[in-house]
N, C-alpha and C. Protein backbone atom coordinates (compact mmCIF):
# COMPACT_ATOMS: atom_id res chain seq x y z
N MET A 1 -3.72 -13.96 68.70
CA MET A 1 -2.83 -14.71 69.00
C MET A 1 -2.02 -14.30 70.12
N ASN A 2 -2.35 -14.96 71.39
CA ASN A 2 -1.67 -14.50 72.44
C ASN A 2 -0.10 -15.11 72.91
N ASP A 3 0.40 -14.52 73.82
CA ASP A 3 1.99 -14.29 74.08
C ASP A 3 2.03 -15.79 74.55
N ASP A 4 1.12 -16.28 74.91
CA ASP A 4 1.55 -17.80 75.39
C ASP A 4 1.73 -18.70 74.42
N SER A 5 1.10 -18.68 73.22
CA SER A 5 1.39 -19.75 72.21
C SER A 5 2.58 -19.51 71.65
N GLU A 6 2.97 -18.15 71.52
CA GLU A 6 4.49 -18.24 71.02
C GLU A 6 5.86 -18.80 71.76
N SER A 7 5.21 -18.86 73.00
CA SER A 7 6.19 -19.38 73.88
C SER A 7 6.42 -20.77 74.15
N ILE A 8 5.55 -21.81 73.20
CA ILE A 8 5.38 -23.14 73.45
C ILE A 8 6.41 -23.69 72.40
N ILE A 9 7.28 -24.62 72.67
CA ILE A 9 8.34 -24.89 72.27
C ILE A 9 8.03 -26.41 71.85
N HIS A 10 8.60 -26.47 70.45
CA HIS A 10 8.21 -28.20 69.72
C HIS A 10 9.59 -28.57 69.57
N VAL A 11 9.86 -29.77 69.98
CA VAL A 11 11.33 -30.17 69.91
C VAL A 11 11.25 -31.52 68.87
N CYS A 12 12.30 -31.53 68.42
CA CYS A 12 12.64 -32.66 67.36
C CYS A 12 13.05 -33.87 68.69
N ASN A 13 12.38 -35.19 68.27
CA ASN A 13 12.74 -36.13 69.24
C ASN A 13 13.90 -36.98 68.73
N ILE A 14 14.33 -36.38 67.67
CA ILE A 14 15.70 -37.23 66.92
C ILE A 14 17.01 -36.55 67.25
N CYS A 15 16.75 -34.95 66.80
CA CYS A 15 18.08 -34.39 67.07
C CYS A 15 17.83 -33.05 68.24
N HIS A 16 16.93 -33.03 68.50
CA HIS A 16 16.73 -31.96 69.71
C HIS A 16 16.46 -30.41 69.09
N LYS A 17 16.43 -30.21 67.63
CA LYS A 17 16.24 -28.98 67.43
C LYS A 17 14.95 -28.23 67.79
N ALA A 18 14.79 -27.13 68.21
CA ALA A 18 13.60 -26.41 68.43
C ALA A 18 13.08 -25.75 67.63
N PHE A 19 11.58 -25.64 67.51
CA PHE A 19 10.53 -24.79 66.42
C PHE A 19 9.56 -24.16 67.70
N LYS A 20 8.90 -22.93 67.10
CA LYS A 20 8.26 -22.41 67.52
C LYS A 20 6.96 -22.80 67.29
N ARG A 21 6.94 -23.58 65.88
CA ARG A 21 5.68 -23.95 65.73
C ARG A 21 5.54 -25.54 65.38
N ARG A 22 4.50 -25.86 65.35
CA ARG A 22 4.48 -27.64 65.08
C ARG A 22 4.59 -28.08 63.65
N TYR A 23 4.09 -26.79 62.64
CA TYR A 23 4.24 -27.17 61.22
C TYR A 23 5.41 -26.94 60.85
N HIS A 24 6.43 -26.25 61.40
CA HIS A 24 7.83 -26.21 61.40
C HIS A 24 8.84 -27.35 61.68
N LEU A 25 8.36 -27.88 62.97
CA LEU A 25 8.75 -29.15 63.38
C LEU A 25 8.25 -30.47 62.52
N ASN A 26 7.37 -30.73 61.88
CA ASN A 26 6.66 -31.47 61.34
C ASN A 26 7.85 -31.54 59.61
N ARG A 27 7.59 -30.09 59.04
CA ARG A 27 8.37 -29.76 58.10
C ARG A 27 9.82 -30.72 58.21
N HIS A 28 10.43 -30.14 59.45
CA HIS A 28 12.10 -30.41 59.83
C HIS A 28 12.39 -32.15 59.77
N ILE A 29 10.85 -32.68 60.41
CA ILE A 29 11.34 -34.37 60.60
C ILE A 29 10.88 -34.93 58.66
N SER A 30 10.16 -34.24 58.36
CA SER A 30 9.94 -35.26 56.72
C SER A 30 10.84 -34.58 55.93
N THR A 31 11.52 -33.17 56.05
CA THR A 31 12.86 -32.88 55.25
C THR A 31 13.84 -33.77 55.88
N VAL A 32 14.12 -33.60 56.72
CA VAL A 32 15.76 -33.96 57.23
C VAL A 32 15.76 -35.42 57.70
N HIS A 33 14.98 -35.86 58.36
CA HIS A 33 15.15 -37.32 58.93
C HIS A 33 14.73 -38.46 58.27
N VAL A 34 13.22 -38.21 57.54
CA VAL A 34 12.63 -38.97 56.45
C VAL A 34 12.98 -38.77 55.53
N ASN A 35 13.13 -37.66 54.70
CA ASN A 35 13.39 -37.47 53.70
C ASN A 35 12.43 -37.99 52.67
N GLN A 36 11.28 -37.52 53.28
CA GLN A 36 9.71 -37.63 52.21
C GLN A 36 9.97 -36.79 50.98
N MET A 37 9.82 -37.55 49.97
CA MET A 37 9.67 -36.86 48.90
C MET A 37 8.45 -36.75 48.17
N ASP A 38 7.47 -35.77 48.27
CA ASP A 38 5.88 -35.79 48.38
C ASP A 38 5.79 -34.98 46.72
N PHE A 39 7.01 -34.13 46.85
CA PHE A 39 6.37 -33.36 45.26
C PHE A 39 7.18 -33.57 44.23
N ASN A 40 6.72 -34.11 42.91
CA ASN A 40 7.29 -34.20 42.02
C ASN A 40 7.16 -33.21 40.90
N CYS A 41 8.12 -33.03 40.07
CA CYS A 41 8.18 -31.83 39.07
C CYS A 41 7.29 -32.63 37.70
N PRO A 42 6.23 -32.07 37.40
CA PRO A 42 5.72 -32.58 36.04
C PRO A 42 6.43 -32.56 34.61
N HIS A 43 7.53 -32.07 34.77
CA HIS A 43 8.57 -31.87 33.67
C HIS A 43 9.66 -32.69 33.47
N CYS A 44 9.97 -32.58 34.63
CA CYS A 44 11.45 -33.77 35.10
C CYS A 44 11.40 -34.33 35.81
N ASN A 45 12.39 -34.98 35.92
CA ASN A 45 12.66 -36.28 37.49
C ASN A 45 12.85 -35.40 38.75
N PHE A 46 13.06 -34.53 39.17
CA PHE A 46 13.28 -33.38 40.30
C PHE A 46 12.17 -33.92 41.42
N ARG A 47 12.41 -34.35 42.32
CA ARG A 47 11.71 -34.58 43.30
C ARG A 47 12.12 -33.44 44.52
N THR A 48 11.10 -33.74 45.50
CA THR A 48 11.19 -32.67 46.89
C THR A 48 10.57 -33.07 47.89
N SER A 49 10.99 -32.46 49.05
CA SER A 49 9.81 -32.74 50.18
C SER A 49 9.36 -31.60 50.14
N ARG A 50 9.44 -30.44 49.84
CA ARG A 50 9.09 -29.20 50.07
C ARG A 50 8.05 -28.56 48.72
N LYS A 51 7.02 -28.30 48.87
CA LYS A 51 6.32 -27.66 48.20
C LYS A 51 7.12 -26.33 47.41
N ASP A 52 7.65 -25.49 48.41
CA ASP A 52 8.16 -24.11 48.06
C ASP A 52 9.27 -24.54 47.26
N ALA A 53 10.21 -25.74 47.45
CA ALA A 53 11.09 -25.91 46.96
C ALA A 53 10.91 -26.07 45.24
N LEU A 54 9.64 -27.03 44.98
CA LEU A 54 9.16 -27.53 43.56
C LEU A 54 8.95 -26.39 42.92
N ASP A 55 8.36 -25.30 43.49
CA ASP A 55 7.60 -23.95 43.11
C ASP A 55 8.74 -23.00 42.34
N ARG A 56 9.89 -23.19 43.34
CA ARG A 56 11.02 -22.48 42.78
C ARG A 56 11.88 -23.13 41.57
N HIS A 57 11.94 -24.60 41.88
CA HIS A 57 12.58 -25.15 40.93
C HIS A 57 11.62 -24.99 39.57
N ILE A 58 10.46 -25.04 39.52
CA ILE A 58 9.84 -24.91 38.18
C ILE A 58 9.86 -23.90 37.92
N ASN A 59 9.71 -22.59 38.64
CA ASN A 59 10.23 -21.15 38.16
C ASN A 59 11.28 -20.91 37.47
N GLN A 60 12.62 -21.89 38.14
CA GLN A 60 14.18 -21.27 37.62
C GLN A 60 14.03 -22.17 36.54
N ILE A 61 13.90 -23.05 36.65
CA ILE A 61 14.31 -24.55 35.30
C ILE A 61 13.21 -24.55 34.32
N HIS A 62 11.82 -24.33 34.15
CA HIS A 62 10.93 -24.59 33.23
C HIS A 62 10.26 -23.51 32.83
N ILE A 63 10.08 -22.67 33.61
CA ILE A 63 9.28 -21.47 33.11
C ILE A 63 10.06 -20.28 32.56
N THR A 64 10.08 -20.03 31.14
CA THR A 64 11.11 -18.96 30.56
C THR A 64 10.51 -17.94 30.29
N SER A 65 9.74 -17.24 30.94
CA SER A 65 8.96 -16.19 30.94
C SER A 65 9.86 -15.03 30.67
N LYS A 66 10.97 -15.26 31.43
CA LYS A 66 12.12 -14.07 31.76
C LYS A 66 13.44 -14.76 31.31
N VAL A 67 13.95 -14.31 30.09
CA VAL A 67 15.09 -14.58 29.44
C VAL A 67 16.37 -13.71 29.30
N TYR A 68 17.33 -13.99 29.50
CA TYR A 68 18.57 -13.15 29.35
C TYR A 68 19.53 -13.46 27.96
N LYS A 69 19.71 -12.82 26.92
CA LYS A 69 20.26 -13.27 25.35
C LYS A 69 21.47 -12.47 25.76
N CYS A 70 22.51 -12.98 25.24
CA CYS A 70 23.74 -12.71 25.01
C CYS A 70 23.94 -11.88 23.77
N GLU A 71 24.37 -10.34 23.82
CA GLU A 71 24.57 -9.86 22.44
C GLU A 71 25.28 -10.21 21.54
N LYS A 72 26.22 -11.09 22.03
CA LYS A 72 27.19 -11.35 20.98
C LYS A 72 26.86 -12.74 20.39
N CYS A 73 26.63 -13.56 21.03
CA CYS A 73 26.10 -14.88 20.28
C CYS A 73 24.66 -15.41 20.33
N GLY A 74 23.98 -14.66 20.98
CA GLY A 74 22.65 -14.76 21.16
C GLY A 74 22.18 -16.25 21.90
N GLU A 75 23.06 -16.83 22.84
CA GLU A 75 22.59 -17.62 23.88
C GLU A 75 22.00 -17.11 24.62
N ILE A 76 21.02 -18.29 24.92
CA ILE A 76 19.88 -17.48 26.17
C ILE A 76 20.04 -18.29 27.69
N PHE A 77 19.97 -17.57 28.76
CA PHE A 77 19.78 -17.91 29.82
C PHE A 77 18.69 -17.55 30.69
N LYS A 78 18.57 -18.40 31.76
CA LYS A 78 17.49 -18.02 32.59
C LYS A 78 17.62 -17.59 33.87
N GLN A 79 19.22 -16.76 34.12
CA GLN A 79 19.36 -16.33 35.22
C GLN A 79 20.63 -15.22 34.75
N ILE A 80 20.51 -13.76 34.99
CA ILE A 80 21.34 -12.87 34.56
C ILE A 80 22.74 -13.27 34.79
N GLY A 81 23.08 -13.53 36.41
CA GLY A 81 24.14 -14.06 36.43
C GLY A 81 25.05 -15.10 35.88
N ASN A 82 24.27 -15.64 35.26
CA ASN A 82 24.97 -16.82 34.35
C ASN A 82 25.08 -16.35 32.74
N LEU A 83 24.32 -15.12 32.31
CA LEU A 83 24.79 -14.58 31.35
C LEU A 83 26.10 -13.79 31.52
N HIS A 84 26.01 -13.25 32.71
CA HIS A 84 27.45 -12.37 33.00
C HIS A 84 28.77 -13.51 33.40
N ARG A 85 28.31 -14.23 33.78
CA ARG A 85 29.40 -15.17 33.92
C ARG A 85 29.89 -16.08 32.08
N HIS A 86 28.92 -16.22 31.50
CA HIS A 86 29.29 -16.49 30.12
C HIS A 86 29.79 -15.44 29.23
N ALA A 87 29.46 -14.27 29.12
CA ALA A 87 30.11 -12.88 28.72
C ALA A 87 31.55 -12.76 29.30
N ASN A 88 31.79 -12.98 30.52
CA ASN A 88 33.16 -12.62 31.34
C ASN A 88 34.03 -13.86 30.57
N THR A 89 33.42 -14.98 30.55
CA THR A 89 34.33 -16.07 30.54
C THR A 89 34.33 -16.34 28.74
N VAL A 90 33.39 -16.40 28.02
CA VAL A 90 33.45 -16.76 26.55
C VAL A 90 34.13 -15.52 25.64
N HIS A 91 33.22 -14.22 25.88
CA HIS A 91 33.81 -13.26 25.11
C HIS A 91 34.95 -11.91 25.77
N THR A 92 34.95 -12.68 26.40
CA THR A 92 36.20 -11.16 27.17
C THR A 92 37.64 -11.98 27.14
N ALA A 93 38.75 -11.18 26.38
CA ALA A 93 40.12 -11.63 26.87
C ALA A 93 41.02 -12.05 27.69
N GLU A 94 40.19 -10.89 28.74
CA GLU A 94 40.66 -10.76 30.21
C GLU A 94 40.82 -12.41 30.98
N LYS A 95 42.24 -12.42 31.47
CA LYS A 95 42.32 -13.71 32.08
C LYS A 95 42.70 -13.41 33.27
N ARG A 96 42.41 -13.03 34.56
CA ARG A 96 42.79 -12.57 35.62
C ARG A 96 43.42 -13.81 36.55
N PHE A 97 43.18 -14.76 36.63
CA PHE A 97 43.49 -16.12 37.63
C PHE A 97 44.63 -16.92 36.90
N GLN A 98 45.71 -16.57 37.46
CA GLN A 98 46.95 -17.29 36.91
C GLN A 98 47.36 -18.28 38.24
N CYS A 99 48.03 -19.56 37.60
CA CYS A 99 48.72 -20.55 38.35
C CYS A 99 50.11 -20.06 38.87
N ASP A 100 50.08 -20.38 39.97
CA ASP A 100 51.47 -19.96 40.79
C ASP A 100 52.36 -20.97 39.97
N VAL A 101 52.30 -22.54 39.75
CA VAL A 101 53.06 -23.27 39.33
C VAL A 101 53.50 -23.20 37.70
N CYS A 102 52.50 -23.39 36.99
CA CYS A 102 52.61 -23.40 35.79
C CYS A 102 52.31 -22.28 34.85
N SER A 103 52.03 -21.34 35.53
CA SER A 103 51.55 -19.68 34.93
C SER A 103 50.40 -19.78 33.58
N SER A 104 49.74 -21.35 33.72
CA SER A 104 48.36 -20.98 32.97
C SER A 104 47.60 -20.04 33.49
N ILE A 105 46.68 -19.32 32.67
CA ILE A 105 45.73 -18.26 32.92
C ILE A 105 44.68 -18.65 32.92
N PHE A 106 43.33 -18.01 33.42
CA PHE A 106 42.22 -18.22 33.47
C PHE A 106 41.34 -17.34 33.68
N SER A 107 40.17 -17.29 33.19
CA SER A 107 38.91 -16.07 32.89
C SER A 107 38.25 -16.35 34.61
N ARG A 108 37.97 -17.38 34.72
CA ARG A 108 37.36 -17.52 36.45
C ARG A 108 38.24 -18.40 37.35
N LYS A 109 37.83 -17.97 38.66
CA LYS A 109 38.44 -18.28 39.80
C LYS A 109 38.22 -20.07 39.96
N ASP A 110 36.98 -20.38 39.33
CA ASP A 110 36.79 -21.70 40.03
C ASP A 110 37.43 -23.03 38.87
N ASN A 111 37.97 -22.25 37.72
CA ASN A 111 38.29 -22.67 36.46
C ASN A 111 39.99 -23.10 37.20
N LEU A 112 40.40 -22.11 37.61
CA LEU A 112 41.77 -22.07 38.26
C LEU A 112 41.62 -23.02 39.71
N VAL A 113 40.70 -22.82 40.41
CA VAL A 113 40.73 -23.76 41.54
C VAL A 113 40.76 -25.67 41.11
N ARG A 114 39.86 -25.70 39.92
CA ARG A 114 39.68 -26.91 39.32
C ARG A 114 41.11 -27.46 38.86
N HIS A 115 41.87 -26.49 38.02
CA HIS A 115 43.04 -26.77 37.59
C HIS A 115 44.59 -27.14 38.44
N MET A 116 44.04 -26.50 39.58
CA MET A 116 45.01 -26.69 40.70
C MET A 116 44.76 -28.02 41.19
N LYS A 117 43.74 -28.23 41.35
CA LYS A 117 43.26 -29.72 42.15
C LYS A 117 43.86 -30.85 41.48
N LYS A 118 43.27 -30.64 40.01
CA LYS A 118 43.76 -31.82 39.06
C LYS A 118 45.16 -31.85 38.52
N PHE A 119 45.46 -30.84 38.42
CA PHE A 119 47.03 -30.69 37.65
C PHE A 119 48.24 -30.69 38.57
N HIS A 120 47.88 -30.10 39.83
CA HIS A 120 49.26 -29.76 40.68
C HIS A 120 48.37 -30.17 42.15
N ASN A 121 47.42 -31.05 42.13
CA ASN A 121 47.06 -31.85 43.68
C ASN A 121 47.04 -30.82 44.72
N THR A 122 46.85 -29.53 44.52
CA THR A 122 47.03 -28.61 45.53
C THR A 122 45.19 -28.05 45.67
N ILE A 123 44.82 -27.50 46.60
CA ILE A 123 43.60 -27.23 47.12
C ILE A 123 44.00 -25.73 47.63
N ILE A 124 42.92 -24.39 46.68
CA ILE A 124 43.15 -23.11 47.04
C ILE A 124 41.39 -22.99 47.36
N SER A 125 41.19 -22.06 48.09
CA SER A 125 40.13 -21.24 48.16
C SER A 125 39.54 -20.68 47.26
N GLU A 126 38.11 -20.78 46.99
CA GLU A 126 37.42 -20.35 45.99
C GLU A 126 36.99 -18.83 46.13
N GLU A 127 37.22 -18.60 47.41
CA GLU A 127 37.01 -17.12 47.89
C GLU A 127 37.42 -15.89 46.88
């Protein structure tokens, strides 16, 4: 492939975003502007406009070749991060996040954020 073909720019006529390859422009249009859902999961109602997103969905949700089991209660997770969050939330007495208004304590920051919004009508950063 010569250098001239890499300099060709394909521009979206709707939002003017530019792409080096026509394939990427076409994928952008069908995903962002047309929202064409051509790929259906054979196991559930999930639909997407991209084959790679369908493949990722099937691997993460439906293929159980790799699972992570909680040593304390036996609950099974498909992602190790979810196992860690479960262990830290359910099996650890440590509660590091305290509400400044009512002194309620939580093991996870997202639970504190939800509490603040629901009970004190206050929004705090989840970072």
